[in-house]
Amino acid sequence: MAVGILGTKLGMTQIFNEAGRAIPVTVVQAGPCPVTQIKTQQTDGYTAIQVGFGDATEKALTRPELGHLRNPVPLLSAISTSIVLQM
């Protein structure tokens, strides 16, 4: 199962460990990530959720994307689908 984070990279910084060594880290702005679609075994052949992140203008999206992101979901700049494994 893939593990990830959906967000925007803000930059790089460093933190220091107990020995005083600098460790480079990436600063990421994550969330909120509203669920835009729930895929089910009956309709899509697999179980997954689709989430979005980031604001987008209507001008930046295609007509199919605008139709998919109709109300009450806000216009989002990034969409990601994650397969849900059943235990």
Foldseek 3Di string as FASTA:
>chain_A
DDDDFDFAWPAKDWDADPVGDTDIDTDTDGDDWDWLDFDDCVPPVFTKTKTFAAADDPVVDDPVLCVSQDPPHHHGDDMDIDGDDDD
